[in-house]
Amino acid sequence: MHQALTRPRIITLSLTISLPALLLALIFLTLTPGVAYAHSPIFLRPGAEPAPITDAEKSWAIYGRLAPGTAYDLIPVEAGEGEKLKLQLLVPKRDDLAQYRPRVALIGPGLRGTLPPGAPVSPGAGEGALLLPEPAAPSEFYEPFTQTRYWTYGETTGTFPAAGRYRIVVYDPAGKGGPYTVALGEREDFGPADLLGFPATWLKVKTWFRR
């Protein structure tokens, strides 16, 4: 769910892609223990409700952008009781985003927490919430597949307490808006189709990162 949509901007990028080099780098990263980072990408489209994620333990990278104001995003997730939970919030490391502090929470059955005042949504009947803790200072993260750098603004691990539909909510209490990535799950599942589609994914991430 997206709110407060803004008029799309026309962005001109100058990117030079060496397809053989990218594929070789991808193969190396995929086959090298301790180096692989193979999140399956999901790019949120303004105004379109995303399809539910049905494998919560698989490693996903959800790329979104909050419009200034009261905008927020909701990402539905189907999970089973006891399935592993890993949730992380990242923001592109850019000077213009140094003061940008979005928040991420998980809402769903079996959770016992609440959301702070001013949150754009509230848990429904039989639901609770889990708000990702906000670090005093963000850590830095380098993503080798797309050669992009991020600040990490929160992470939690555990298990889903009950079977059912959960919602990841992303919002900016200050209303500044900007890009974000939510990383969900940790089981790498990277096949031939992902390898062949990697150049297009690389370009999408680079375009998203620089807007």
Protein backbone atom coordinates (compact mmCIF):
# COMPACT_ATOMS: atom_id res chain seq x y z
CA MET A 1 0.00 0.00 0.00
CA HIS A 2 1.39 3.39 -0.96
CA GLN A 3 0.24 6.83 0.05
CA ALA A 4 1.02 10.40 -1.04
CA LEU A 5 2.29 9.53 -4.51
CA THR A 6 4.40 12.13 -6.25
CA ARG A 7 4.87 12.84 -9.94
CA PRO A 8 7.65 10.66 -11.40
CA ARG A 9 10.91 12.38 -12.20
CA ILE A 10 12.91 11.79 -15.38
CA ILE A 11 16.37 10.59 -14.43
CA THR A 12 19.30 10.45 -16.81
CA LEU A 13 22.08 8.05 -15.85
CA SER A 14 25.40 7.34 -17.46
CA LEU A 15 26.29 3.72 -16.68
CA THR A 16 28.84 1.56 -18.39
CA ILE A 17 28.17 -2.16 -18.07
CA SER A 18 30.64 -4.87 -18.95
CA LEU A 19 28.42 -7.92 -19.19
CA PRO A 20 31.21 -10.55 -19.13
CA ALA A 21 32.83 -8.86 -16.14
CA LEU A 22 29.54 -8.71 -14.24
CA LEU A 23 28.75 -12.36 -14.93
CA LEU A 24 32.22 -13.50 -13.91
CA ALA A 25 32.02 -11.47 -10.72
CA LEU A 26 28.60 -12.90 -9.96
CA ILE A 27 29.78 -16.49 -10.48
CA PHE A 28 32.80 -15.86 -8.26
CA LEU A 29 30.71 -14.34 -5.48
CA THR A 30 28.11 -17.11 -5.69
CA LEU A 31 30.67 -19.92 -5.47
CA THR A 32 32.96 -18.37 -2.85
CA PRO A 33 32.02 -19.42 0.72
CA GLY A 34 31.46 -16.53 3.10
CA VAL A 35 31.20 -13.97 0.30
CA ALA A 36 27.93 -14.74 -1.44
CA TYR A 37 25.09 -12.27 -1.00
CA ALA A 38 22.21 -13.44 -3.14
CA HIS A 39 19.09 -11.65 -1.98
CA SER A 40 16.28 -12.10 -4.50
CA PRO A 41 15.18 -8.58 -5.46
CA ILE A 42 11.68 -7.12 -5.22
CA PHE A 43 11.17 -3.61 -6.62
CA LEU A 44 8.07 -1.92 -5.25
CA ARG A 45 6.01 0.03 -7.78
CA PRO A 46 4.34 3.29 -6.71
CA GLY A 47 0.59 2.85 -6.39
CA ALA A 48 0.67 -0.95 -6.65
CA GLU A 49 0.13 -3.29 -3.72
CA PRO A 50 2.92 -5.90 -3.69
CA ALA A 51 2.09 -9.59 -3.88
CA PRO A 52 2.54 -11.46 -0.60
CA ILE A 53 5.93 -13.00 0.05
CA THR A 54 5.16 -16.68 0.60
CA ASP A 55 8.64 -17.89 1.59
CA ALA A 56 9.67 -15.78 4.57
CA GLU A 57 12.91 -17.69 5.20
CA LYS A 58 14.28 -17.09 1.70
CA SER A 59 16.63 -14.15 1.33
CA TRP A 60 14.82 -11.14 -0.18
CA ALA A 61 15.87 -7.54 -0.84
CA ILE A 62 12.86 -5.21 -1.11
CA TYR A 63 13.68 -1.91 -2.81
CA GLY A 64 11.25 0.92 -2.11
CA ARG A 65 10.96 4.68 -1.92
CA LEU A 66 8.87 6.76 0.46
CA ALA A 67 7.37 9.96 -0.86
CA PRO A 68 7.71 13.03 1.39
CA GLY A 69 4.90 13.50 3.87
CA THR A 70 2.85 10.76 5.46
CA ALA A 71 3.72 8.04 2.94
CA TYR A 72 4.28 4.47 4.09
CA ASP A 73 4.65 1.06 2.50
CA LEU A 74 3.08 -2.23 3.51
CA ILE A 75 4.63 -5.52 2.37
CA PRO A 76 2.55 -8.66 3.13
CA VAL A 77 4.38 -11.80 4.24
CA GLU A 78 2.99 -15.31 4.75
CA ALA A 79 4.85 -17.26 7.45
CA GLY A 80 4.47 -20.45 9.43
CA GLU A 81 4.81 -20.83 13.17
CA GLY A 82 8.44 -21.24 14.17
CA GLU A 83 9.88 -20.19 10.80
CA LYS A 84 13.08 -18.19 11.06
CA LEU A 85 12.74 -14.41 11.05
CA LYS A 86 15.45 -12.01 9.97
CA LEU A 87 14.56 -8.43 9.15
CA GLN A 88 16.94 -5.60 8.35
CA LEU A 89 16.62 -1.97 7.22
CA LEU A 90 19.20 -0.36 4.94
CA VAL A 91 19.49 3.12 3.41
CA PRO A 92 21.82 4.06 0.53
CA LYS A 93 24.98 5.67 1.83
CA ARG A 94 24.63 9.11 0.26
CA ASP A 95 25.36 12.53 1.72
CA ASP A 96 21.84 13.77 1.00
CA LEU A 97 20.38 10.87 3.02
CA ALA A 98 22.57 11.32 6.11
CA GLN A 99 19.61 12.64 8.17
CA TYR A 100 17.02 10.26 6.71
CA ARG A 101 15.76 7.84 9.37
CA PRO A 102 12.94 5.56 8.20
CA ARG A 103 11.53 2.96 10.57
CA VAL A 104 10.46 -0.61 9.95
CA ALA A 105 8.04 -2.71 11.95
CA LEU A 106 6.48 -6.14 11.62
CA ILE A 107 2.77 -6.50 12.39
CA GLY A 108 1.02 -9.83 12.73
CA PRO A 109 -0.35 -12.67 14.88
CA GLY A 110 1.47 -13.71 18.01
CA LEU A 111 3.52 -10.54 18.35
CA ARG A 112 3.14 -8.72 21.66
CA GLY A 113 4.60 -5.27 21.10
CA THR A 114 2.99 -2.00 20.04
CA LEU A 115 3.94 0.81 17.70
CA PRO A 116 4.91 4.29 18.89
CA PRO A 117 2.54 7.25 18.61
CA GLY A 118 2.47 8.64 15.12
CA ALA A 119 2.92 5.32 13.37
CA PRO A 120 0.79 5.26 10.22
CA VAL A 121 -0.90 1.91 10.94
CA SER A 122 -1.92 -0.05 14.01
CA PRO A 123 -2.14 -3.78 14.72
CA GLY A 124 -5.56 -5.30 14.19
CA ALA A 125 -7.48 -7.69 16.40
CA GLY A 126 -5.26 -10.57 17.51
CA GLU A 127 -2.13 -8.84 16.22
CA GLY A 128 0.88 -7.20 17.79
CA ALA A 129 3.94 -5.43 16.48
CA LEU A 130 7.71 -5.66 16.48
CA LEU A 131 9.57 -2.39 15.86
CA LEU A 132 13.13 -2.76 14.66
CA PRO A 133 15.50 -1.21 17.20
CA GLU A 134 17.13 2.00 16.04
CA PRO A 135 20.91 2.03 16.62
CA ALA A 136 22.63 5.05 18.12
CA ALA A 137 24.91 5.08 15.07
CA PRO A 138 24.36 3.08 11.88
CA SER A 139 26.81 0.47 10.69
CA GLU A 140 28.04 0.46 7.10
CA PHE A 141 27.46 -2.36 4.65
CA TYR A 142 28.96 -2.99 1.21
CA GLU A 143 26.85 -5.07 -1.18
CA PRO A 144 29.32 -6.76 -3.55
CA PHE A 145 26.89 -7.91 -6.26
CA THR A 146 25.79 -4.36 -7.17
CA GLN A 147 28.81 -2.49 -5.75
CA THR A 148 26.64 -0.26 -3.56
CA ARG A 149 27.12 0.94 0.00
CA TYR A 150 24.45 1.28 2.68
CA TRP A 151 23.83 2.37 6.23
CA THR A 152 22.13 -0.27 8.39
CA TYR A 153 19.46 1.26 10.61
CA GLY A 154 18.04 -1.74 12.40
CA GLU A 155 18.00 -5.52 12.46
CA THR A 156 16.16 -8.25 14.30
CA THR A 157 16.32 -12.05 14.27
CA GLY A 158 14.12 -14.69 15.84
CA THR A 159 11.14 -16.78 14.76
CA PHE A 160 7.61 -16.05 13.63
CA PRO A 161 5.43 -16.77 16.71
CA ALA A 162 2.33 -17.95 14.81
CA ALA A 163 1.21 -19.00 11.36
CA GLY A 164 -0.56 -16.39 9.27
CA ARG A 165 -0.14 -13.17 7.35
CA TYR A 166 2.24 -10.52 8.60
CA ARG A 167 2.83 -7.01 7.30
CA ILE A 168 6.11 -5.17 7.07
CA VAL A 169 5.45 -1.46 7.44
CA VAL A 170 8.06 1.12 6.38
CA TYR A 171 7.56 4.78 7.23
CA ASP A 172 9.48 7.96 7.97
CA PRO A 173 8.43 9.71 11.21
CA ALA A 174 10.01 12.97 9.99
CA GLY A 175 8.20 12.83 6.65
CA LYS A 176 11.37 13.48 4.64
CA GLY A 177 10.94 10.47 2.37
CA GLY A 178 13.60 8.65 0.40
CA PRO A 179 14.83 5.25 -0.76
CA TYR A 180 15.22 2.21 1.47
CA THR A 181 15.90 -1.51 1.30
CA VAL A 182 14.30 -4.07 3.57
CA ALA A 183 16.19 -7.36 3.76
CA LEU A 184 14.01 -10.30 4.78
CA GLY A 185 15.15 -13.86 5.43
CA GLU A 186 18.59 -15.40 5.07
CA ARG A 187 18.32 -18.61 3.02
CA GLU A 188 20.17 -18.02 -0.23
CA ASP A 189 18.33 -19.45 -3.23
CA PHE A 190 20.12 -18.29 -6.36
CA GLY A 191 19.61 -20.28 -9.57
CA PRO A 192 20.38 -20.05 -13.31
CA ALA A 193 17.47 -17.67 -13.97
CA ASP A 194 18.84 -15.26 -11.38
CA LEU A 195 22.27 -15.47 -12.97
CA LEU A 196 20.92 -14.67 -16.43
CA GLY A 197 18.79 -11.84 -15.11
CA PHE A 198 21.56 -10.30 -13.03
CA PRO A 199 22.62 -7.57 -15.53
CA ALA A 200 19.06 -6.19 -15.58
CA THR A 201 18.88 -6.38 -11.78
CA TRP A 202 22.24 -4.61 -11.50
CA LEU A 203 20.97 -1.77 -13.67
CA LYS A 204 17.70 -1.49 -11.73
CA VAL A 205 19.55 -1.28 -8.41
CA LYS A 206 22.00 1.31 -9.74
CA THR A 207 19.13 3.44 -11.08
CA TRP A 208 17.20 3.15 -7.82
CA PHE A 209 20.32 3.92 -5.77
CA ARG A 210 21.13 7.16 -7.59
CA ARG A 211 17.64 8.69 -7.77
